[in-house]
């Protein structure tokens, strides 16, 4: 039996040896991740530490969940206070909690007015846990709008999505993935989605029918290969949505909250969606929390008493973390920091790419950067980087994903670049 007592040293939660931890995961867990061979015991700022005290620069940030850095002291303090002062526990949704009300107001005002064609009376927020739950909330909203306002027969509503999309792993969401491994054998799959090439406005226009009720898109693809859409693509989607009375939904779970050098990725084209999905970093990476944000009129149209719910969605501890995380985002100007440090990092990685025989392209925005390798074996380079103290991962097999916490400093960037150069040169 594994040891579970907390060890008060820098080795983390337990005394248990790494080999025993790895064997426990193998014997008692699903084999649904390709893991790198290290057991992380502690995380602080941009650094991860193993049982031997070896440190690894986190260039993944848990897919943008740790934007403010691991264990940011202000977020930790807020959560510890909530636990010690007895206002952290989950409370039945038949009563109100002050933390939820304050979090909803802060988030609604943090996001610019969405769906302005439905009025400018403000935003409303529906909180959930993992990001995929809020993706499903957005899908429900678009489908209900199509049914209630466009007169589409219930069950016939269609949403346009994009090839190489990644919006999560629940059954409805994998149903419109274009990666076969995500959905093979998990049928029957959910109908009602039409996938077209990412960045192709002509394909979007051709896919629109009388049953189309919405468009769901990542303003920049992460898992699909760190892909930036062509200039004008988001504006084109906005125009088509207005023309055909569709709800334009942006999934910014990975690319929002400063990751690409703007508060929201859609600001790169000065376009506003009708609905916005946020998650991961909205609670500082310390507790699951996600939200769907849209115009008051659309939330009130789609959701009434009993039509939706979540036991832990927006529970007090998550809201406390979310309030603190949004404060940190604003006070520490994390979007500006991402833009500044991202420009430096991308420039230096591009220089490595020009010299390397293995690199075909370096692309990205802010601290969301992909290094595409010619051999399509990005994970091999990630294994090499781990031995040099860098934690990175692949994106779609062919791209090394570089997305560190937004708090990364110049010394840490110098270290990262030095190790990447060793591997790619």
Protein backbone atom coordinates (compact mmCIF):
# COMPACT_ATOMS: atom_id res chain seq x y z
CA UNK A 1 0.00 0.00 0.00
CA UNK A 2 1.31 3.46 -0.90
CA UNK A 3 2.13 5.96 1.82
CA UNK A 4 -0.37 8.79 2.04
CA UNK A 5 0.96 10.80 4.97
CA UNK A 6 1.96 14.34 4.21
CA UNK A 7 5.71 14.82 4.39
CA UNK A 8 6.73 18.27 5.53
CA UNK A 9 9.75 18.60 3.25
CA UNK A 10 10.37 19.78 -0.29
CA UNK A 11 9.54 16.30 -1.64
CA UNK A 12 5.82 17.02 -1.69
CA UNK A 13 2.86 15.02 -0.40
CA UNK A 14 4.40 11.64 0.43
CA UNK A 15 7.58 9.58 0.95
CA UNK A 16 6.47 7.14 -1.76
CA UNK A 17 9.16 6.36 -4.33
CA UNK A 18 8.69 7.51 -7.93
CA UNK A 19 8.72 3.93 -9.22
CA UNK A 20 5.87 3.03 -6.87
CA UNK A 21 3.86 6.06 -7.96
CA UNK A 22 4.34 5.20 -11.64
CA UNK A 23 3.41 1.56 -10.99
CA UNK A 24 0.31 2.64 -9.06
CA UNK A 25 -0.89 4.75 -11.99
CA UNK A 26 -0.19 1.89 -14.37
CA UNK A 27 -1.96 -0.71 -12.23
CA UNK A 28 -4.91 1.32 -10.97
CA UNK A 29 -5.45 4.08 -13.54
CA UNK A 30 -6.52 4.31 -17.17
CA UNK A 31 -3.70 4.46 -19.72
CA UNK A 32 -5.14 7.51 -21.47
CA UNK A 33 -2.08 9.78 -21.44
CA UNK A 34 1.39 9.41 -22.86
CA UNK A 35 3.38 10.59 -19.88
CA UNK A 36 6.88 11.94 -19.57
CA UNK A 37 9.01 10.02 -17.07
CA UNK A 38 8.99 12.30 -14.05
CA UNK A 39 6.88 12.52 -10.89
CA UNK A 40 6.31 16.13 -9.88
CA UNK A 41 6.26 16.77 -6.12
CA UNK A 42 6.00 20.55 -5.94
CA UNK A 43 5.09 23.47 -8.19
CA UNK A 44 5.92 27.11 -7.60
CA UNK A 45 5.90 29.98 -10.06
CA UNK A 46 7.25 28.64 -13.35
CA UNK A 47 9.07 25.68 -11.78
CA UNK A 48 8.24 22.04 -11.02
CA UNK A 49 10.33 19.92 -8.63
CA UNK A 50 10.84 16.14 -8.35
CA UNK A 51 11.74 14.04 -5.30
CA UNK A 52 15.47 14.52 -5.88
CA UNK A 53 15.10 18.28 -5.90
CA UNK A 54 15.61 18.53 -9.66
CA UNK A 55 13.75 21.50 -11.12
CA UNK A 56 11.96 21.70 -14.46
CA UNK A 57 10.87 24.90 -16.15
CA UNK A 58 7.18 24.48 -16.91
CA UNK A 59 6.69 25.42 -20.57
CA UNK A 60 3.21 23.93 -20.69
CA UNK A 61 1.40 25.57 -17.73
CA UNK A 62 -1.13 22.71 -17.78
CA UNK A 63 -2.44 23.86 -21.17
CA UNK A 64 -2.83 27.47 -19.98
CA UNK A 65 -4.36 26.65 -16.58
CA UNK A 66 -1.39 28.05 -14.66
CA UNK A 67 -1.24 31.46 -16.37
CA UNK A 68 -0.47 33.33 -13.11
CA UNK A 69 2.16 30.75 -12.17
CA UNK A 70 1.81 27.81 -9.82
CA UNK A 71 0.58 28.54 -6.29
CA UNK A 72 0.33 32.27 -6.79
CA UNK A 73 0.48 33.60 -3.20
CA UNK A 74 -2.55 35.90 -3.49
CA UNK A 75 -4.76 33.14 -4.84
CA UNK A 76 -3.44 30.63 -2.30
CA UNK A 77 -4.04 33.08 0.57
CA UNK A 78 -7.62 33.67 -0.56
CA UNK A 79 -8.31 29.93 -0.69
CA UNK A 80 -6.61 29.19 2.64
CA UNK A 81 -8.65 31.94 4.31
CA UNK A 82 -11.84 30.47 2.87
CA UNK A 83 -10.96 27.02 4.21
CA UNK A 84 -9.95 28.21 7.66
CA UNK A 85 -12.85 30.62 8.03
CA UNK A 86 -15.45 28.07 6.92
CA UNK A 87 -16.79 29.65 3.75
CA UNK A 88 -15.22 27.25 1.23
CA UNK A 89 -17.53 24.25 1.35
CA UNK A 90 -20.00 23.36 -1.36
CA UNK A 91 -23.47 24.71 -0.52
CA UNK A 92 -26.76 23.58 -1.99
CA UNK A 93 -27.92 25.72 -4.89
CA UNK A 94 -31.28 26.24 -3.20
CA UNK A 95 -29.66 29.13 -1.30
CA UNK A 96 -27.31 31.99 -2.23
CA UNK A 97 -23.60 32.44 -1.45
CA UNK A 98 -21.85 35.79 -1.44
CA UNK A 99 -18.75 34.43 -3.20
CA UNK A 100 -20.81 33.26 -6.19
CA UNK A 101 -22.61 36.59 -6.55
CA UNK A 102 -19.36 38.55 -6.37
CA UNK A 103 -17.61 36.20 -8.83
CA UNK A 104 -20.48 36.41 -11.34
CA UNK A 105 -20.51 40.20 -11.24
CA UNK A 106 -16.72 40.44 -11.54
CA UNK A 107 -16.60 38.02 -14.48
CA UNK A 108 -19.54 39.62 -16.30
CA UNK A 109 -17.82 43.01 -16.12
CA UNK A 110 -14.37 41.59 -16.90
CA UNK A 111 -15.66 40.57 -20.35
CA UNK A 112 -16.74 43.30 -22.81
CA UNK A 113 -20.39 43.44 -23.79
CA UNK A 114 -21.12 40.37 -25.90
CA UNK A 115 -23.84 39.80 -28.50
CA UNK A 116 -24.43 43.51 -28.93
CA UNK A 117 -27.10 42.94 -31.59
CA UNK A 118 -29.29 41.67 -28.74
CA UNK A 119 -28.80 44.85 -26.74
CA UNK A 120 -26.26 46.29 -24.33
CA UNK A 121 -27.84 45.55 -20.97
CA UNK A 122 -24.77 43.63 -19.79
CA UNK A 123 -23.45 40.09 -19.66
CA UNK A 124 -24.51 37.10 -17.60
CA UNK A 125 -22.35 34.16 -16.53
CA UNK A 126 -23.13 30.47 -16.09
CA UNK A 127 -20.33 28.70 -14.14
CA UNK A 128 -19.32 25.04 -14.36
CA UNK A 129 -16.24 22.96 -13.50
CA UNK A 130 -14.08 21.66 -16.36
CA UNK A 131 -14.00 23.67 -19.57
CA UNK A 132 -15.85 21.03 -21.60
CA UNK A 133 -18.92 21.58 -19.42
CA UNK A 134 -19.03 25.21 -20.47
CA UNK A 135 -18.56 24.18 -24.09
CA UNK A 136 -21.71 22.11 -23.71
CA UNK A 137 -23.45 25.10 -22.11
CA UNK A 138 -22.58 27.15 -25.19
CA UNK A 139 -23.88 24.39 -27.47
CA UNK A 140 -27.15 24.23 -25.53
CA UNK A 141 -27.53 28.00 -25.81
CA UNK A 142 -27.06 27.99 -29.58
CA UNK A 143 -29.42 25.06 -30.06
CA UNK A 144 -32.12 26.64 -27.92
CA UNK A 145 -31.77 29.91 -29.79
CA UNK A 146 -32.19 28.07 -33.08
CA UNK A 147 -35.27 26.30 -31.77
CA UNK A 148 -36.92 29.23 -30.01
CA UNK A 149 -36.00 32.20 -32.21
CA UNK A 150 -35.21 30.77 -35.64
CA UNK A 151 -37.95 28.16 -35.69
CA UNK A 152 -35.63 25.22 -36.38
CA UNK A 153 -37.38 21.96 -35.44
CA UNK A 154 -35.93 20.59 -32.20
CA UNK A 155 -33.35 17.94 -33.06
CA UNK A 156 -32.52 19.51 -36.43
CA UNK A 157 -30.28 22.34 -35.16
CA UNK A 158 -26.77 22.41 -36.64
CA UNK A 159 -23.57 24.08 -35.44
CA UNK A 160 -20.58 24.70 -37.68
CA UNK A 161 -17.22 23.63 -36.19
CA UNK A 162 -13.69 23.36 -37.59
CA UNK A 163 -11.26 20.64 -38.58
CA UNK A 164 -8.58 19.86 -35.98
CA UNK A 165 -10.74 21.45 -33.29
CA UNK A 166 -10.32 20.61 -29.65
CA UNK A 167 -13.11 21.48 -27.23
CA UNK A 168 -12.84 18.62 -24.72
CA UNK A 169 -13.56 14.91 -24.41
CA UNK A 170 -17.22 14.45 -23.47
CA UNK A 171 -19.42 12.46 -25.83
CA UNK A 172 -21.17 15.40 -27.50
CA UNK A 173 -17.86 17.22 -28.02
CA UNK A 174 -15.85 14.28 -29.37
CA UNK A 175 -18.71 13.69 -31.79
CA UNK A 176 -17.48 16.61 -33.90
CA UNK A 177 -13.76 16.05 -33.45
CA UNK A 178 -11.90 15.30 -36.68
CA UNK A 179 -9.34 13.18 -34.81
CA UNK A 180 -10.55 9.61 -35.21
CA UNK A 181 -8.89 8.33 -32.04
CA UNK A 182 -10.96 10.70 -29.91
CA UNK A 183 -14.24 9.13 -31.00
CA UNK A 184 -13.67 5.67 -32.48
CA UNK A 185 -15.68 3.06 -30.59
CA UNK A 186 -17.53 5.60 -28.43
CA UNK A 187 -20.65 5.78 -30.57
CA UNK A 188 -23.46 6.43 -31.10
CA UNK A 189 -22.15 9.93 -31.58
CA UNK A 190 -24.15 13.13 -31.20
CA UNK A 191 -25.42 14.59 -34.50
CA UNK A 192 -25.89 18.24 -35.37
CA UNK A 193 -22.38 19.39 -36.24
CA UNK A 194 -20.76 20.25 -39.58
CA UNK A 195 -16.95 20.53 -39.71
CA UNK A 196 -15.14 22.70 -42.26
CA UNK A 197 -11.46 23.63 -42.77
CA UNK A 198 -10.12 26.07 -40.18
CA UNK A 199 -9.66 29.53 -41.65
CA UNK A 200 -11.82 28.90 -44.76
CA UNK A 201 -14.65 31.44 -44.87
CA UNK A 202 -15.96 30.15 -48.20
CA UNK A 203 -16.38 26.69 -46.69
CA UNK A 204 -18.24 28.20 -43.74
CA UNK A 205 -20.64 30.07 -46.00
CA UNK A 206 -21.34 26.94 -48.07
CA UNK A 207 -22.05 24.95 -44.91
CA UNK A 208 -24.77 27.32 -43.69
CA UNK A 209 -28.31 25.97 -44.11
CA UNK A 210 -31.74 26.84 -42.77
CA UNK A 211 -30.95 24.61 -39.77
CA UNK A 212 -27.68 26.31 -38.83
CA UNK A 213 -27.94 28.00 -35.45
CA UNK A 214 -24.33 28.74 -34.50
CA UNK A 215 -20.59 28.68 -35.16
CA UNK A 216 -18.19 27.32 -32.53
CA UNK A 217 -14.52 28.19 -33.02
CA UNK A 218 -11.19 28.56 -31.24
CA UNK A 219 -9.82 32.02 -32.18
CA UNK A 220 -6.43 30.28 -32.25
CA UNK A 221 -6.12 26.51 -32.23
CA UNK A 222 -3.96 24.95 -29.53
CA UNK A 223 -4.28 21.17 -29.62
CA UNK A 224 -4.81 21.33 -33.38
CA UNK A 225 -1.24 22.54 -33.91
CA UNK A 226 -0.93 26.06 -32.48
CA UNK A 227 -2.67 27.41 -35.57
CA UNK A 228 -3.34 31.10 -36.18
CA UNK A 229 -6.28 31.76 -38.52
CA UNK A 230 -5.82 33.96 -41.60
CA UNK A 231 -6.22 37.71 -41.07
CA UNK A 232 -9.88 38.66 -41.33
CA UNK A 233 -11.19 35.18 -40.53
CA UNK A 234 -12.85 36.10 -37.24
CA UNK A 235 -14.29 39.28 -38.78
CA UNK A 236 -15.67 37.16 -41.59
CA UNK A 237 -17.30 34.79 -39.12
CA UNK A 238 -18.84 37.79 -37.36
CA UNK A 239 -20.27 39.08 -40.63
CA UNK A 240 -21.69 35.68 -41.63
CA UNK A 241 -23.22 35.24 -38.18
CA UNK A 242 -24.93 38.62 -38.37
CA UNK A 243 -26.09 37.99 -41.93
CA UNK A 244 -27.60 34.57 -41.18
CA UNK A 245 -28.71 35.15 -37.58
CA UNK A 246 -26.26 32.67 -36.02
CA UNK A 247 -24.69 32.67 -32.56
CA UNK A 248 -20.92 33.08 -32.84
CA UNK A 249 -19.26 31.20 -29.97
CA UNK A 250 -15.56 31.54 -29.11
CA UNK A 251 -13.80 28.86 -27.07
CA UNK A 252 -10.97 30.70 -25.30
CA UNK A 253 -10.30 28.10 -22.61
CA UNK A 254 -6.67 27.83 -23.74
CA UNK A 255 -6.12 31.16 -25.49
CA UNK A 256 -7.97 33.63 -23.27
CA UNK A 257 -6.95 35.45 -20.10
CA UNK A 258 -3.73 36.92 -21.48
CA UNK A 259 -2.28 33.82 -23.08
CA UNK A 260 -1.87 35.36 -26.55
CA UNK A 261 -0.84 38.83 -25.35
CA UNK A 262 -4.37 40.23 -25.15
CA UNK A 263 -7.00 39.87 -22.44
CA UNK A 264 -8.93 37.80 -24.98
CA UNK A 265 -7.66 36.30 -28.21
CA UNK A 266 -10.55 37.81 -30.19
CA UNK A 267 -9.10 41.25 -29.51
CA UNK A 268 -6.42 40.60 -32.11
CA UNK A 269 -9.12 41.22 -34.74
CA UNK A 270 -11.25 43.59 -32.68
CA UNK A 271 -14.19 41.21 -32.98
CA UNK A 272 -16.66 40.30 -30.26
CA UNK A 273 -18.47 36.98 -30.13
CA UNK A 274 -22.02 36.32 -29.00
CA UNK A 275 -20.80 33.85 -26.39
CA UNK A 276 -17.43 33.27 -24.73
CA UNK A 277 -16.12 30.13 -23.03
CA UNK A 278 -13.38 30.52 -20.41
CA UNK A 279 -11.79 27.99 -18.07
CA UNK A 280 -8.44 26.73 -16.78
CA UNK A 281 -6.67 29.94 -15.68
CA UNK A 282 -9.87 31.64 -14.50
CA UNK A 283 -9.25 30.06 -11.07
CA UNK A 284 -5.46 30.32 -11.24
CA UNK A 285 -4.99 26.63 -11.93
CA UNK A 286 -5.76 25.69 -8.33
CA UNK A 287 -9.33 24.41 -8.59
CA UNK A 288 -11.59 23.49 -11.53
CA UNK A 289 -13.75 26.38 -12.74
CA UNK A 290 -15.14 27.39 -16.12
CA UNK A 291 -17.76 29.82 -17.39
CA UNK A 292 -19.96 30.55 -20.34
CA UNK A 293 -20.52 34.29 -20.73
CA UNK A 294 -23.05 35.89 -23.02
CA UNK A 295 -25.60 38.68 -23.29
CA UNK A 296 -28.27 38.76 -20.57
CA UNK A 297 -30.99 38.30 -23.17
CA UNK A 298 -29.49 35.03 -24.46
CA UNK A 299 -28.85 33.48 -21.04
CA UNK A 300 -32.37 34.32 -19.91
CA UNK A 301 -33.80 32.94 -23.14
CA UNK A 302 -31.97 29.60 -22.97
CA UNK A 303 -32.01 28.80 -19.26
CA UNK A 304 -34.90 28.75 -16.83
CA UNK A 305 -35.42 27.07 -13.47
CA UNK A 306 -34.66 23.36 -13.83
CA UNK A 307 -33.19 23.54 -17.34
CA UNK A 308 -29.57 23.40 -16.15
CA UNK A 309 -27.56 22.85 -13.01
CA UNK A 310 -24.26 21.75 -11.46
CA UNK A 311 -23.53 20.73 -7.86
CA UNK A 312 -19.99 22.07 -7.89
CA UNK A 313 -20.30 24.61 -10.70
CA UNK A 314 -19.54 27.95 -9.06
CA UNK A 315 -19.15 26.55 -5.55
CA UNK A 316 -17.64 28.88 -2.93
CA UNK A 317 -13.99 27.76 -2.95
CA UNK A 318 -13.86 27.93 -6.75
CA UNK A 319 -15.43 31.39 -6.75
CA UNK A 320 -12.97 32.64 -4.13
CA UNK A 321 -10.12 31.40 -6.32
CA UNK A 322 -11.72 32.96 -9.41
CA UNK A 323 -12.13 36.37 -7.77
CA UNK A 324 -8.50 36.34 -6.64
CA UNK A 325 -7.24 35.10 -10.01
CA UNK A 326 -9.02 37.89 -11.91
CA UNK A 327 -7.59 40.41 -9.44
CA UNK A 328 -4.08 39.06 -10.06
CA UNK A 329 -4.63 39.21 -13.81
CA UNK A 330 -5.49 42.89 -13.66
CA UNK A 331 -3.09 44.00 -10.93
CA UNK A 332 -0.06 42.29 -12.46
CA UNK A 333 -1.00 43.20 -16.05
CA UNK A 334 -0.51 39.61 -17.19
CA UNK A 335 -1.74 40.24 -20.74
CA UNK A 336 0.83 43.01 -21.23
CA UNK A 337 3.51 40.80 -19.74
CA UNK A 338 2.55 37.96 -22.08
CA UNK A 339 2.83 40.25 -25.09
CA UNK A 340 6.25 41.61 -24.06
CA UNK A 341 7.83 38.33 -23.02
CA UNK A 342 6.14 36.47 -25.87
CA UNK A 343 7.65 38.80 -28.48
CA UNK A 344 11.10 38.23 -27.00
CA UNK A 345 10.67 34.47 -26.81
CA UNK A 346 9.16 34.07 -30.27
CA UNK A 347 11.96 36.11 -31.83
CA UNK A 348 14.62 33.97 -30.21
CA UNK A 349 12.87 30.71 -31.08
CA UNK A 350 12.46 31.87 -34.67
CA UNK A 351 16.21 32.47 -34.81
CA UNK A 352 16.80 28.89 -33.64
CA UNK A 353 14.29 27.69 -36.22
CA UNK A 354 16.09 29.42 -39.07
CA UNK A 355 19.30 27.61 -38.21
CA UNK A 356 17.85 24.23 -37.33
CA UNK A 357 17.50 21.46 -39.92
CA UNK A 358 14.56 20.07 -37.94
CA UNK A 359 12.25 23.11 -37.78
CA UNK A 360 9.79 24.07 -40.50
CA UNK A 361 8.07 26.99 -38.74
CA UNK A 362 7.79 28.91 -35.49
CA UNK A 363 4.39 30.55 -34.99
CA UNK A 364 2.35 31.99 -32.18
CA UNK A 365 1.05 34.99 -30.28
CA UNK A 366 2.07 36.14 -26.85
CA UNK A 367 3.24 33.17 -24.79
CA UNK A 368 1.39 30.67 -26.98
CA UNK A 369 4.05 29.47 -29.39
CA UNK A 370 4.46 26.38 -31.55
CA UNK A 371 7.65 24.99 -33.04
CA UNK A 372 6.69 22.77 -35.97
CA UNK A 373 9.22 20.04 -36.70
CA UNK A 374 9.73 18.55 -40.14
CA UNK A 375 9.80 14.92 -39.04
CA UNK A 376 6.41 15.06 -37.31
CA UNK A 377 7.95 13.63 -34.13
CA UNK A 378 7.57 16.52 -31.71
CA UNK A 379 7.16 14.27 -28.66
CA UNK A 380 10.68 12.88 -29.16
CA UNK A 381 12.07 16.38 -28.69
CA UNK A 382 9.90 16.83 -25.58
CA UNK A 383 11.52 13.77 -24.02
CA UNK A 384 14.95 15.24 -24.77
CA UNK A 385 13.94 18.59 -23.32
CA UNK A 386 12.78 16.96 -20.09
CA UNK A 387 16.30 15.60 -19.53
CA UNK A 388 17.52 19.18 -19.82
CA UNK A 389 15.05 20.56 -17.29
CA UNK A 390 12.27 21.72 -19.64
CA UNK A 391 8.68 20.42 -19.51
CA UNK A 392 6.97 20.75 -22.88
CA UNK A 393 4.50 18.69 -24.87
CA UNK A 394 3.51 18.10 -28.46
CA UNK A 395 0.53 19.54 -30.29
CA UNK A 396 -1.04 17.32 -32.95
CA UNK A 397 2.18 15.30 -33.11
CA UNK A 398 4.08 17.70 -35.34
CA UNK A 399 4.49 20.78 -33.12
CA UNK A 400 6.34 21.44 -29.86
CA UNK A 401 4.03 23.48 -27.70
CA UNK A 402 5.61 26.32 -25.71
CA UNK A 403 3.17 28.01 -23.31
CA UNK A 404 4.79 28.82 -19.95
CA UNK A 405 3.14 30.74 -17.11
CA UNK A 406 2.68 34.40 -17.98
CA UNK A 407 4.88 35.35 -15.03
CA UNK A 408 8.01 33.96 -16.70
CA UNK A 409 11.02 36.28 -16.47
CA UNK A 410 14.02 37.00 -18.69
CA UNK A 411 16.38 34.65 -16.83
CA UNK A 412 13.90 31.80 -17.24
CA UNK A 413 13.47 32.58 -20.93
CA UNK A 414 17.25 32.54 -21.37
CA UNK A 415 17.40 29.09 -19.76
CA UNK A 416 14.53 27.80 -21.91
CA UNK A 417 16.02 29.05 -25.16
CA UNK A 418 19.43 27.61 -24.32
CA UNK A 419 17.99 24.12 -23.77
CA UNK A 420 15.72 24.23 -26.83
CA UNK A 421 18.67 25.26 -28.96
CA UNK A 422 20.66 22.26 -27.73
CA UNK A 423 17.87 19.90 -28.75
CA UNK A 424 16.99 21.43 -32.11
CA UNK A 425 20.45 22.37 -33.35
